Amino acid sequence: MTTTVTSKGQVTLPKKVRDAAGIKPGDKVDVRNTASGGVYIEKPGAASAYRKKLEEIARKYPIRGATTDEIMLELRGDPAEDPKP
């Protein structure tokens, strides 16, 4: 979706985007630039909630120093032990 920046630097977020993000009139949003030159808009706290979820997963499944093969073996089990059809 394309929108236009006004002379005041304002943009209108399309309704589909606002609805998908749960942004309502009067809500505050965090705005930051990305390394690729884009702009990221999110509800305050969304990034910290996502980070918290990732940290919980990392604590549950520590992978420090593990290879991809070791991680896959841990997650999926040894394919040699799969039942034969």
PDB file of N, CA and C in Angstrom:
ATOM      1  N   MET A   1       0.833  -1.169   0.000  1.00  0.00           N
ATOM      2  CA  MET A   1       0.000   0.000   0.000  1.00  0.00           C
ATOM      3  C   MET A   1       0.882   1.236   0.000  1.00  0.00           C
ATOM      4  N   THR A   2       0.481   2.211  -0.723  1.00  0.00           N
ATOM      5  CA  THR A   2       1.241   3.455  -0.812  1.00  0.00           C
ATOM      6  C   THR A   2       0.427   4.580  -0.188  1.00  0.00           C
ATOM      7  N   THR A   3       1.107   5.450   0.545  1.00  0.00           N
ATOM      8  CA  THR A   3       0.486   6.631   1.117  1.00  0.00           C
ATOM      9  C   THR A   3       1.420   7.810   0.897  1.00  0.00           C
ATOM     10  N   THR A   4       0.923   9.022   1.039  1.00  0.00           N
ATOM     11  CA  THR A   4       1.703  10.226   0.754  1.00  0.00           C
ATOM     12  C   THR A   4       2.078  10.934   2.046  1.00  0.00           C
ATOM     13  N   VAL A   5       3.298  11.433   2.105  1.00  0.00           N
ATOM     14  CA  VAL A   5       3.757  12.214   3.246  1.00  0.00           C
ATOM     15  C   VAL A   5       3.334  13.662   3.021  1.00  0.00           C
ATOM     16  N   THR A   6       2.685  14.279   4.017  1.00  0.00           N
ATOM     17  CA  THR A   6       2.259  15.670   3.897  1.00  0.00           C
ATOM     18  C   THR A   6       3.437  16.605   4.127  1.00  0.00           C
ATOM     19  N   SER A   7       3.225  17.901   3.907  1.00  0.00           N
ATOM     20  CA  SER A   7       4.287  18.890   4.128  1.00  0.00           C
ATOM     21  C   SER A   7       4.690  18.965   5.602  1.00  0.00           C
ATOM     22  N   LYS A   8       3.816  18.485   6.481  1.00  0.00           N
ATOM     23  CA  LYS A   8       4.134  18.442   7.913  1.00  0.00           C
ATOM     24  C   LYS A   8       4.808  17.141   8.314  1.00  0.00           C
ATOM     25  N   GLY A   9       5.065  16.240   7.348  1.00  0.00           N
ATOM     26  CA  GLY A   9       5.704  14.966   7.637  1.00  0.00           C
ATOM     27  C   GLY A   9       4.739  13.915   8.144  1.00  0.00           C
ATOM     28  N   GLN A  10       3.446  14.134   7.946  1.00  0.00           N
ATOM     29  CA  GLN A  10       2.442  13.193   8.429  1.00  0.00           C
ATOM     30  C   GLN A  10       2.045  12.210   7.333  1.00  0.00           C
ATOM     31  N   VAL A  11       1.673  11.008   7.752  1.00  0.00           N
ATOM     32  CA  VAL A  11       1.147  10.008   6.825  1.00  0.00           C
ATOM     33  C   VAL A  11      -0.133   9.439   7.420  1.00  0.00           C
ATOM     34  N   THR A  12      -1.010   8.958   6.567  1.00  0.00           N
ATOM     35  CA  THR A  12      -2.216   8.270   7.014  1.00  0.00           C
ATOM     36  C   THR A  12      -1.968   6.781   6.882  1.00  0.00           C
ATOM     37  N   LEU A  13      -2.141   6.057   7.977  1.00  0.00           N
ATOM     38  CA  LEU A  13      -2.019   4.607   7.916  1.00  0.00           C
ATOM     39  C   LEU A  13      -3.321   4.056   7.342  1.00  0.00           C
ATOM     40  N   PRO A  14      -3.224   3.259   6.294  1.00  0.00           N
ATOM     41  CA  PRO A  14      -4.447   2.683   5.719  1.00  0.00           C
ATOM     42  C   PRO A  14      -5.226   1.883   6.754  1.00  0.00           C
ATOM     43  N   LYS A  15      -6.544   1.865   6.612  1.00  0.00           N
ATOM     44  CA  LYS A  15      -7.421   1.188   7.563  1.00  0.00           C
ATOM     45  C   LYS A  15      -7.032  -0.277   7.760  1.00  0.00           C
ATOM     46  N   LYS A  16      -6.689  -0.980   6.670  1.00  0.00           N
ATOM     47  CA  LYS A  16      -6.289  -2.389   6.798  1.00  0.00           C
ATOM     48  C   LYS A  16      -5.093  -2.535   7.729  1.00  0.00           C
ATOM     49  N   VAL A  17      -4.143  -1.619   7.611  1.00  0.00           N
ATOM     50  CA  VAL A  17      -2.937  -1.660   8.444  1.00  0.00           C
ATOM     51  C   VAL A  17      -3.292  -1.361   9.894  1.00  0.00           C
ATOM     52  N   ARG A  18      -4.097  -0.307  10.117  1.00  0.00           N
ATOM     53  CA  ARG A  18      -4.514   0.033  11.485  1.00  0.00           C
ATOM     54  C   ARG A  18      -5.269  -1.117  12.124  1.00  0.00           C
ATOM     55  N   ASP A  19      -6.177  -1.709  11.381  1.00  0.00           N
ATOM     56  CA  ASP A  19      -6.958  -2.828  11.917  1.00  0.00           C
ATOM     57  C   ASP A  19      -6.062  -4.017  12.256  1.00  0.00           C
ATOM     58  N   ALA A  20      -5.146  -4.368  11.355  1.00  0.00           N
ATOM     59  CA  ALA A  20      -4.265  -5.514  11.573  1.00  0.00           C
ATOM     60  C   ALA A  20      -3.366  -5.308  12.793  1.00  0.00           C
ATOM     61  N   ALA A  21      -2.941  -4.055  13.024  1.00  0.00           N
ATOM     62  CA  ALA A  21      -2.049  -3.759  14.144  1.00  0.00           C
ATOM     63  C   ALA A  21      -2.821  -3.404  15.410  1.00  0.00           C
ATOM     64  N   GLY A  22      -4.140  -3.275  15.302  1.00  0.00           N
ATOM     65  CA  GLY A  22      -4.935  -2.920  16.473  1.00  0.00           C
ATOM     66  C   GLY A  22      -4.744  -1.483  16.906  1.00  0.00           C
ATOM     67  N   ILE A  23      -4.446  -0.599  15.943  1.00  0.00           N
ATOM     68  CA  ILE A  23      -4.218   0.812  16.242  1.00  0.00           C
ATOM     69  C   ILE A  23      -5.530   1.567  16.063  1.00  0.00           C
ATOM     70  N   LYS A  24      -5.914   2.298  17.135  1.00  0.00           N
ATOM     71  CA  LYS A  24      -7.163   3.049  17.112  1.00  0.00           C
ATOM     72  C   LYS A  24      -6.873   4.544  17.232  1.00  0.00           C
ATOM     73  N   PRO A  25      -7.827   5.407  16.855  1.00  0.00           N
ATOM     74  CA  PRO A  25      -7.616   6.853  17.002  1.00  0.00           C
ATOM     75  C   PRO A  25      -7.212   7.200  18.434  1.00  0.00           C
ATOM     76  N   GLY A  26      -6.195   8.027  18.561  1.00  0.00           N
ATOM     77  CA  GLY A  26      -5.698   8.437  19.871  1.00  0.00           C
ATOM     78  C   GLY A  26      -4.598   7.552  20.428  1.00  0.00           C
ATOM     79  N   ASP A  27      -4.389   6.366  19.837  1.00  0.00           N
ATOM     80  CA  ASP A  27      -3.312   5.485  20.294  1.00  0.00           C
ATOM     81  C   ASP A  27      -1.961   6.113  19.989  1.00  0.00           C
ATOM     82  N   LYS A  28      -0.993   5.828  20.823  1.00  0.00           N
ATOM     83  CA  LYS A  28       0.388   6.220  20.550  1.00  0.00           C
ATOM     84  C   LYS A  28       1.075   5.061  19.840  1.00  0.00           C
ATOM     85  N   VAL A  29       2.039   5.375  18.977  1.00  0.00           N
ATOM     86  CA  VAL A  29       2.814   4.353  18.277  1.00  0.00           C
ATOM     87  C   VAL A  29       4.290   4.698  18.375  1.00  0.00           C
ATOM     88  N   ASP A  30       5.114   3.667  18.350  1.00  0.00           N
ATOM     89  CA  ASP A  30       6.564   3.845  18.267  1.00  0.00           C
ATOM     90  C   ASP A  30       6.944   3.799  16.796  1.00  0.00           C
ATOM     91  N   VAL A  31       7.831   4.704  16.393  1.00  0.00           N
ATOM     92  CA  VAL A  31       8.290   4.780  15.007  1.00  0.00           C
ATOM     93  C   VAL A  31       9.810   4.735  15.028  1.00  0.00           C
ATOM     94  N   ARG A  32      10.382   3.861  14.201  1.00  0.00           N
ATOM     95  CA  ARG A  32      11.846   3.802  14.106  1.00  0.00           C
ATOM     96  C   ARG A  32      12.245   3.416  12.693  1.00  0.00           C
ATOM     97  N   ASN A  33      13.451   3.808  12.352  1.00  0.00           N
ATOM     98  CA  ASN A  33      13.964   3.450  11.029  1.00  0.00           C
ATOM     99  C   ASN A  33      14.608   2.074  11.077  1.00  0.00           C
ATOM    100  N   THR A  34      14.681   1.430   9.915  1.00  0.00           N
ATOM    101  CA  THR A  34      15.323   0.126   9.809  1.00  0.00           C
ATOM    102  C   THR A  34      16.644   0.285   9.071  1.00  0.00           C
ATOM    103  N   ALA A  35      17.504  -0.696   9.188  1.00  0.00           N
ATOM    104  CA  ALA A  35      18.806  -0.646   8.532  1.00  0.00           C
ATOM    105  C   ALA A  35      18.676  -0.585   7.017  1.00  0.00           C
ATOM    106  N   SER A  36      17.580  -1.125   6.485  1.00  0.00           N
ATOM    107  CA  SER A  36      17.402  -1.146   5.032  1.00  0.00           C
ATOM    108  C   SER A  36      16.773   0.138   4.500  1.00  0.00           C
ATOM    109  N   GLY A  37      16.535   1.122   5.379  1.00  0.00           N
ATOM    110  CA  GLY A  37      15.969   2.392   4.942  1.00  0.00           C
ATOM    111  C   GLY A  37      14.457   2.472   5.076  1.00  0.00           C
ATOM    112  N   GLY A  38      13.847   1.461   5.658  1.00  0.00           N
ATOM    113  CA  GLY A  38      12.401   1.468   5.854  1.00  0.00           C
ATOM    114  C   GLY A  38      12.018   2.126   7.173  1.00  0.00           C
ATOM    115  N   VAL A  39      10.742   2.157   7.424  1.00  0.00           N
ATOM    116  CA  VAL A  39      10.206   2.705   8.663  1.00  0.00           C
ATOM    117  C   VAL A  39       9.349   1.633   9.316  1.00  0.00           C
ATOM    118  N   TYR A  40       9.504   1.477  10.616  1.00  0.00           N
ATOM    119  CA  TYR A  40       8.766   0.467  11.360  1.00  0.00           C
ATOM    120  C   TYR A  40       7.864   1.186  12.349  1.00  0.00           C
ATOM    121  N   ILE A  41       6.573   0.876  12.334  1.00  0.00           N
ATOM    122  CA  ILE A  41       5.595   1.481  13.235  1.00  0.00           C
ATOM    123  C   ILE A  41       4.955   0.357  14.037  1.00  0.00           C
ATOM    124  N   GLU A  42       4.928   0.514  15.372  1.00  0.00           N
ATOM    125  CA  GLU A  42       4.324  -0.513  16.213  1.00  0.00           C
ATOM    126  C   GLU A  42       3.719   0.114  17.450  1.00  0.00           C
ATOM    127  N   LYS A  43       2.840  -0.635  18.092  1.00  0.00           N
ATOM    128  CA  LYS A  43       2.269  -0.180  19.348  1.00  0.00           C
ATOM    129  C   LYS A  43       3.363  -0.216  20.412  1.00  0.00           C
ATOM    130  N   PRO A  44       3.389   0.756  21.311  1.00  0.00           N
ATOM    131  CA  PRO A  44       4.401   0.740  22.371  1.00  0.00           C
ATOM    132  C   PRO A  44       4.350  -0.567  23.158  1.00  0.00           C
ATOM    133  N   GLY A  45       5.510  -1.129  23.427  1.00  0.00           N
ATOM    134  CA  GLY A  45       5.592  -2.366  24.182  1.00  0.00           C
ATOM    135  C   GLY A  45       5.547  -3.615  23.332  1.00  0.00           C
ATOM    136  N   ALA A  46       5.171  -3.493  22.058  1.00  0.00           N
ATOM    137  CA  ALA A  46       5.069  -4.676  21.207  1.00  0.00           C
ATOM    138  C   ALA A  46       6.423  -5.363  21.063  1.00  0.00           C
ATOM    139  N   ALA A  47       7.481  -4.587  20.881  1.00  0.00           N
ATOM    140  CA  ALA A  47       8.812  -5.174  20.706  1.00  0.00           C
ATOM    141  C   ALA A  47       9.270  -5.869  21.988  1.00  0.00           C
ATOM    142  N   SER A  48       8.978  -5.265  23.142  1.00  0.00           N
ATOM    143  CA  SER A  48       9.428  -5.887  24.394  1.00  0.00           C
ATOM    144  C   SER A  48       8.648  -7.175  24.663  1.00  0.00           C
ATOM    145  N   ALA A  49       7.378  -7.210  24.284  1.00  0.00           N
ATOM    146  CA  ALA A  49       6.596  -8.435  24.461  1.00  0.00           C
ATOM    147  C   ALA A  49       7.139  -9.540  23.556  1.00  0.00           C
ATOM    148  N   TYR A  50       7.497  -9.184  22.324  1.00  0.00           N
ATOM    149  CA  TYR A  50       8.058 -10.153  21.381  1.00  0.00           C
ATOM    150  C   TYR A  50       9.414 -10.648  21.885  1.00  0.00           C
ATOM    151  N   ARG A  51      10.234  -9.710  22.374  1.00  0.00           N
ATOM    152  CA  ARG A  51      11.547 -10.094  22.892  1.00  0.00           C
ATOM    153  C   ARG A  51      11.400 -11.033  24.086  1.00  0.00           C
ATOM    154  N   LYS A  52      10.436 -10.739  24.972  1.00  0.00           N
ATOM    155  CA  LYS A  52      10.207 -11.592  26.135  1.00  0.00           C
ATOM    156  C   LYS A  52       9.848 -13.011  25.689  1.00  0.00           C
ATOM    157  N   LYS A  53       8.997 -13.119  24.667  1.00  0.00           N
ATOM    158  CA  LYS A  53       8.605 -14.430  24.157  1.00  0.00           C
ATOM    159  C   LYS A  53       9.824 -15.181  23.600  1.00  0.00           C
ATOM    160  N   LEU A  54      10.672 -14.475  22.847  1.00  0.00           N
ATOM    161  CA  LEU A  54      11.883 -15.105  22.301  1.00  0.00           C
ATOM    162  C   LEU A  54      12.826 -15.563  23.409  1.00  0.00           C
ATOM    163  N   GLU A  55      12.964 -14.740  24.455  1.00  0.00           N
ATOM    164  CA  GLU A  55      13.841 -15.103  25.564  1.00  0.00           C
ATOM    165  C   GLU A  55      13.319 -16.344  26.298  1.00  0.00           C
ATOM    166  N   GLU A  56      11.995 -16.450  26.432  1.00  0.00           N
ATOM    167  CA  GLU A  56      11.418 -17.643  27.067  1.00  0.00           C
ATOM    168  C   GLU A  56      11.722 -18.889  26.249  1.00  0.00           C
ATOM    169  N   ILE A  57      11.618 -18.783  24.934  1.00  0.00           N
ATOM    170  CA  ILE A  57      11.930 -19.911  24.055  1.00  0.00           C
ATOM    171  C   ILE A  57      13.414 -20.266  24.171  1.00  0.00           C
ATOM    172  N   ALA A  58      14.276 -19.242  24.202  1.00  0.00           N
ATOM    173  CA  ALA A  58      15.721 -19.488  24.302  1.00  0.00           C
ATOM    174  C   ALA A  58      16.080 -20.177  25.609  1.00  0.00           C
ATOM    175  N   ARG A  59      15.390 -19.813  26.706  1.00  0.00           N
ATOM    176  CA  ARG A  59      15.654 -20.489  27.987  1.00  0.00           C
ATOM    177  C   ARG A  59      15.201 -21.939  27.939  1.00  0.00           C
ATOM    178  N   LYS A  60      14.083 -22.177  27.259  1.00  0.00           N
ATOM    179  CA  LYS A  60      13.546 -23.530  27.180  1.00  0.00           C
ATOM    180  C   LYS A  60      14.405 -24.418  26.281  1.00  0.00           C
ATOM    181  N   TYR A  61      14.937 -23.842  25.215  1.00  0.00           N
ATOM    182  CA  TYR A  61      15.728 -24.601  24.238  1.00  0.00           C
ATOM    183  C   TYR A  61      17.089 -23.947  24.046  1.00  0.00           C
ATOM    184  N   PRO A  62      17.985 -24.040  25.025  1.00  0.00           N
ATOM    185  CA  PRO A  62      19.302 -23.413  24.856  1.00  0.00           C
ATOM    186  C   PRO A  62      20.085 -24.084  23.725  1.00  0.00           C
ATOM    187  N   ILE A  63      20.696 -23.283  22.870  1.00  0.00           N
ATOM    188  CA  ILE A  63      21.406 -23.839  21.717  1.00  0.00           C
ATOM    189  C   ILE A  63      22.824 -23.303  21.603  1.00  0.00           C
ATOM    190  N   ARG A  64      23.353 -22.771  22.665  1.00  0.00           N
ATOM    191  CA  ARG A  64      24.703 -22.202  22.600  1.00  0.00           C
ATOM    192  C   ARG A  64      25.709 -23.239  22.108  1.00  0.00           C
ATOM    193  N   GLY A  65      26.410 -22.920  21.037  1.00  0.00           N
ATOM    194  CA  GLY A  65      27.456 -23.785  20.531  1.00  0.00           C
ATOM    195  C   GLY A  65      26.974 -24.984  19.751  1.00  0.00           C
ATOM    196  N   ALA A  66      25.681 -25.148  19.593  1.00  0.00           N
ATOM    197  CA  ALA A  66      25.155 -26.311  18.871  1.00  0.00           C
ATOM    198  C   ALA A  66      25.156 -26.044  17.371  1.00  0.00           C
ATOM    199  N   THR A  67      25.348 -27.090  16.602  1.00  0.00           N
ATOM    200  CA  THR A  67      25.265 -26.984  15.149  1.00  0.00           C
ATOM    201  C   THR A  67      23.798 -27.100  14.734  1.00  0.00           C
ATOM    202  N   THR A  68      23.516 -26.746  13.514  1.00  0.00           N
ATOM    203  CA  THR A  68      22.159 -26.883  12.990  1.00  0.00           C
ATOM    204  C   THR A  68      21.707 -28.339  13.071  1.00  0.00           C
ATOM    205  N   ASP A  69      22.587 -29.263  12.702  1.00  0.00           N
ATOM    206  CA  ASP A  69      22.234 -30.684  12.757  1.00  0.00           C
ATOM    207  C   ASP A  69      21.896 -31.116  14.179  1.00  0.00           C
ATOM    208  N   GLU A  70      22.654 -30.635  15.160  1.00  0.00           N
ATOM    209  CA  GLU A  70      22.386 -30.983  16.558  1.00  0.00           C
ATOM    210  C   GLU A  70      21.036 -30.416  17.023  1.00  0.00           C
ATOM    211  N   ILE A  71      20.742 -29.204  16.602  1.00  0.00           N
ATOM    212  CA  ILE A  71      19.463 -28.588  16.965  1.00  0.00           C
ATOM    213  C   ILE A  71      18.311 -29.370  16.349  1.00  0.00           C
ATOM    214  N   MET A  72      18.426 -29.730  15.071  1.00  0.00           N
ATOM    215  CA  MET A  72      17.369 -30.480  14.398  1.00  0.00           C
ATOM    216  C   MET A  72      17.188 -31.849  15.036  1.00  0.00           C
ATOM    217  N   LEU A  73      18.287 -32.484  15.417  1.00  0.00           N
ATOM    218  CA  LEU A  73      18.208 -33.781  16.092  1.00  0.00           C
ATOM    219  C   LEU A  73      17.467 -33.643  17.421  1.00  0.00           C
ATOM    220  N   GLU A  74      17.771 -32.574  18.155  1.00  0.00           N
ATOM    221  CA  GLU A  74      17.099 -32.329  19.441  1.00  0.00           C
ATOM    222  C   GLU A  74      15.605 -32.076  19.241  1.00  0.00           C
ATOM    223  N   LEU A  75      15.255 -31.300  18.238  1.00  0.00           N
ATOM    224  CA  LEU A  75      13.852 -30.953  18.011  1.00  0.00           C
ATOM    225  C   LEU A  75      13.042 -32.084  17.386  1.00  0.00           C
ATOM    226  N   ARG A  76      13.635 -32.784  16.443  1.00  0.00           N
ATOM    227  CA  ARG A  76      12.891 -33.789  15.674  1.00  0.00           C
ATOM    228  C   ARG A  76      13.176 -35.228  16.078  1.00  0.00           C
ATOM    229  N   GLY A  77      14.266 -35.432  16.789  1.00  0.00           N
ATOM    230  CA  GLY A  77      14.647 -36.794  17.144  1.00  0.00           C
ATOM    231  C   GLY A  77      15.493 -37.404  16.036  1.00  0.00           C
ATOM    232  N   ASP A  78      15.994 -38.590  16.303  1.00  0.00           N
ATOM    233  CA  ASP A  78      16.861 -39.289  15.341  1.00  0.00           C
ATOM    234  C   ASP A  78      16.009 -39.935  14.270  1.00  0.00           C
ATOM    235  N   PRO A  79      16.170 -39.550  12.998  1.00  0.00           N
ATOM    236  CA  PRO A  79      15.364 -40.136  11.928  1.00  0.00           C
ATOM    237  C   PRO A  79      15.594 -41.637  11.789  1.00  0.00           C
ATOM    238  N   ALA A  80      16.741 -42.136  12.242  1.00  0.00           N
ATOM    239  CA  ALA A  80      17.019 -43.583  12.161  1.00  0.00           C
ATOM    240  C   ALA A  80      16.090 -44.359  13.087  1.00  0.00           C
ATOM    241  N   GLU A  81      15.531 -43.671  14.085  1.00  0.00           N
ATOM    242  CA  GLU A  81      14.631 -44.333  15.030  1.00  0.00           C
ATOM    243  C   GLU A  81      13.163 -44.223  14.628  1.00  0.00           C
ATOM    244  N   ASP A  82      12.882 -43.576  13.487  1.00  0.00           N
ATOM    245  CA  ASP A  82      11.499 -43.456  13.021  1.00  0.00           C
ATOM    246  C   ASP A  82      10.956 -44.831  12.658  1.00  0.00           C
ATOM    247  N   PRO A  83       9.676 -45.064  12.921  1.00  0.00           N
ATOM    248  CA  PRO A  83       9.084 -46.356  12.553  1.00  0.00           C
ATOM    249  C   PRO A  83       9.096 -46.538  11.037  1.00  0.00           C
ATOM    250  N   LYS A  84       9.320 -47.740  10.610  1.00  0.00           N
ATOM    251  CA  LYS A  84       9.334 -48.039   9.176  1.00  0.00           C
ATOM    252  C   LYS A  84       7.891 -48.239   8.704  1.00  0.00           C
ATOM    253  N   PRO A  85       7.561 -47.743   7.505  1.00  0.00           N
ATOM    254  CA  PRO A  85       6.186 -47.897   7.004  1.00  0.00           C
ATOM    255  C   PRO A  85       5.866 -49.324   6.620  1.00  0.00           C
TER     256      PRO A  85
END
